[in-house]
Amino acid sequence: MLRTIDIAHAGQTSSEAIILLEVAISKAKEEGVVAVKIIHGLGSGSIAEKVRSWAQEQKGRFKAVIPGEDYNAFNKDAVNMRSEISNKQDRDFNSRNPGVTIFWL
């Protein structure tokens, strides 16, 4: 299962968005979710930057972290992650969307 979480469109600060991200990732892991797509949008870029920095700090916690612009059929991690999920329909796959980041749990 690929769960989608929007942390960018409720008017929170980047720090609040990271708290939402941490909670969403922990909850998804507990529930056996394969991957989480975080919608962080672009806007000023501060939330996107914080999400990706946080992901770097968490190195080793995830099978892979896939930036939306690299979420395509040419990315080995994206292809392998998608082989584990049952519903393969995802409008962001192959769309080079920098407003999302996928966490393969």
Protein backbone atom coordinates (compact mmCIF):
# COMPACT_ATOMS: atom_id res chain seq x y z
CA MET A 1 0.00 0.00 0.00
CA LEU A 2 1.15 3.51 -0.83
CA ARG A 3 -0.28 6.02 1.63
CA THR A 4 -0.43 9.69 0.66
CA ILE A 5 -0.05 12.38 3.33
CA ASP A 6 -0.35 16.11 2.59
CA ILE A 7 1.73 18.14 5.03
CA ALA A 8 1.91 21.35 3.05
CA HIS A 9 -1.55 22.70 2.52
CA ALA A 10 -2.92 23.27 6.02
CA GLY A 11 -1.00 26.47 6.71
CA GLN A 12 1.46 25.01 9.21
CA THR A 13 5.06 26.05 9.64
CA SER A 14 7.87 23.88 8.32
CA SER A 15 8.59 22.71 11.89
CA GLU A 16 4.95 21.68 12.34
CA ALA A 17 5.06 19.93 8.97
CA ILE A 18 8.05 17.85 10.10
CA ILE A 19 6.14 16.78 13.21
CA LEU A 20 3.26 15.68 10.94
CA LEU A 21 5.79 13.82 8.77
CA GLU A 22 7.31 11.99 11.74
CA VAL A 23 3.89 10.97 13.07
CA ALA A 24 2.71 9.82 9.62
CA ILE A 25 5.84 7.72 9.03
CA SER A 26 5.67 6.11 12.49
CA LYS A 27 1.97 5.34 12.17
CA ALA A 28 2.43 3.91 8.65
CA LYS A 29 5.25 1.63 9.84
CA GLU A 30 3.10 0.37 12.71
CA GLU A 31 0.28 -0.39 10.27
CA GLY A 32 2.50 -2.28 7.83
CA VAL A 33 2.26 0.29 5.03
CA VAL A 34 4.87 -0.29 2.30
CA ALA A 35 5.48 3.35 1.34
CA VAL A 36 4.35 6.86 2.16
CA LYS A 37 4.10 9.65 -0.40
CA ILE A 38 4.55 12.98 1.35
CA ILE A 39 3.06 15.96 -0.43
CA HIS A 40 5.16 18.90 0.68
CA GLY A 41 4.44 21.15 -2.27
CA LEU A 42 6.82 23.75 -3.56
CA GLY A 43 5.63 27.15 -2.37
CA SER A 44 8.61 28.88 -0.81
CA GLY A 45 10.43 25.55 -0.73
CA SER A 46 11.00 25.59 3.01
CA ILE A 47 8.85 22.53 3.77
CA ALA A 48 10.29 20.56 0.85
CA GLU A 49 13.81 21.44 1.98
CA LYS A 50 13.06 20.43 5.60
CA VAL A 51 11.47 17.13 4.51
CA ARG A 52 14.47 16.17 2.42
CA SER A 53 16.94 17.29 5.10
CA TRP A 54 15.03 15.25 7.66
CA ALA A 55 15.18 12.25 5.32
CA GLN A 56 18.98 12.61 5.08
CA GLU A 57 19.21 12.72 8.89
CA GLN A 58 17.23 9.47 9.04
CA LYS A 59 19.61 7.61 6.72
CA GLY A 60 19.26 3.85 7.19
CA ARG A 61 15.73 4.07 8.60
CA PHE A 62 14.10 3.56 5.19
CA LYS A 63 14.70 1.21 2.28
CA ALA A 64 14.77 4.32 0.09
CA VAL A 65 13.74 7.95 -0.08
CA ILE A 66 12.71 8.91 -3.60
CA PRO A 67 12.34 12.57 -4.61
CA GLY A 68 9.28 13.10 -6.79
CA GLU A 69 11.40 14.29 -9.69
CA ASP A 70 13.17 10.87 -9.66
CA TYR A 71 10.03 8.78 -9.09
CA ASN A 72 9.94 7.02 -12.46
CA ALA A 73 10.45 3.77 -14.34
CA PHE A 74 14.20 4.48 -14.63
CA ASN A 75 14.72 4.63 -10.85
CA LYS A 76 15.56 1.17 -9.48
CA ASP A 77 14.26 1.97 -5.99
CA ALA A 78 10.98 3.32 -7.37
CA VAL A 79 10.45 0.21 -9.51
CA ASN A 80 11.31 -2.16 -6.66
CA MET A 81 9.11 -0.27 -4.19
CA ARG A 82 6.19 -0.32 -6.62
CA SER A 83 6.57 -4.09 -7.00
CA GLU A 84 5.67 -4.39 -3.30
CA ILE A 85 2.46 -2.34 -3.46
CA SER A 86 -0.83 -3.74 -4.67
CA ASN A 87 -2.39 -0.62 -6.20
CA LYS A 88 0.11 0.62 -8.75
CA GLN A 89 -1.98 3.57 -9.95
CA ASP A 90 -0.24 6.77 -8.91
CA ARG A 91 -0.48 9.97 -10.93
CA ASP A 92 2.92 11.12 -9.66
CA PHE A 93 4.78 8.12 -11.07
CA ASN A 94 6.72 9.27 -14.17
CA SER A 95 5.50 12.86 -13.74
CA ARG A 96 8.72 14.41 -12.31
CA ASN A 97 6.78 16.13 -9.49
CA PRO A 98 9.22 17.95 -7.17
CA GLY A 99 6.35 18.65 -4.76
CA VAL A 100 6.41 15.10 -3.36
CA THR A 101 8.86 12.73 -1.72
CA ILE A 102 8.26 8.98 -1.39
CA PHE A 103 9.48 7.07 1.65
CA TRP A 104 9.84 3.32 1.08
CA LEU A 105 9.44 1.82 4.52
